[in-house]
Amino acid sequence: MKQYVVDELRPGDHDTLKAYLNENLEFAGLDGLYWKPVDEALLTDTQALHTHCKPLCFTLTLTPASLTCELLVRTRNRMQCDCMGYATAAQHHWIVEWTDNVFKELGIIV
């Protein structure tokens, strides 16, 4: 699995991130797992046409020591579909930049 991982979080950083993610992302049903919808402007042609599969999302997993962003665009409505796949270069850049900006906004140095 391709991932973007920020590790070696301090306990206080974990608590701060958890509060932020709980407030700003949708909880995915498992402890520490969140959905981050992909910006509509970044969807591929196939992803944009699959309105029944939206929202298309990245999953983020927060553990006491790390925040992991899977670089796989998933549909929340199906197990498999042609619209799912590894992030395009633009989607990859967007989720990494979004993650880095969350750390900056929260004053967490990594």
Foldseek 3Di string as FASTA:
>chain_A
DDKDKDFQDDQVRLVLVVVVCVVPFDAPPDPQKTWDFQDLVQFDPVLNVPPVQPRWTWIWGRDSTMIMTAQWTGGPPDPDDPRIGGGDPVRVVVVVVVVVVVCVVSVHDD
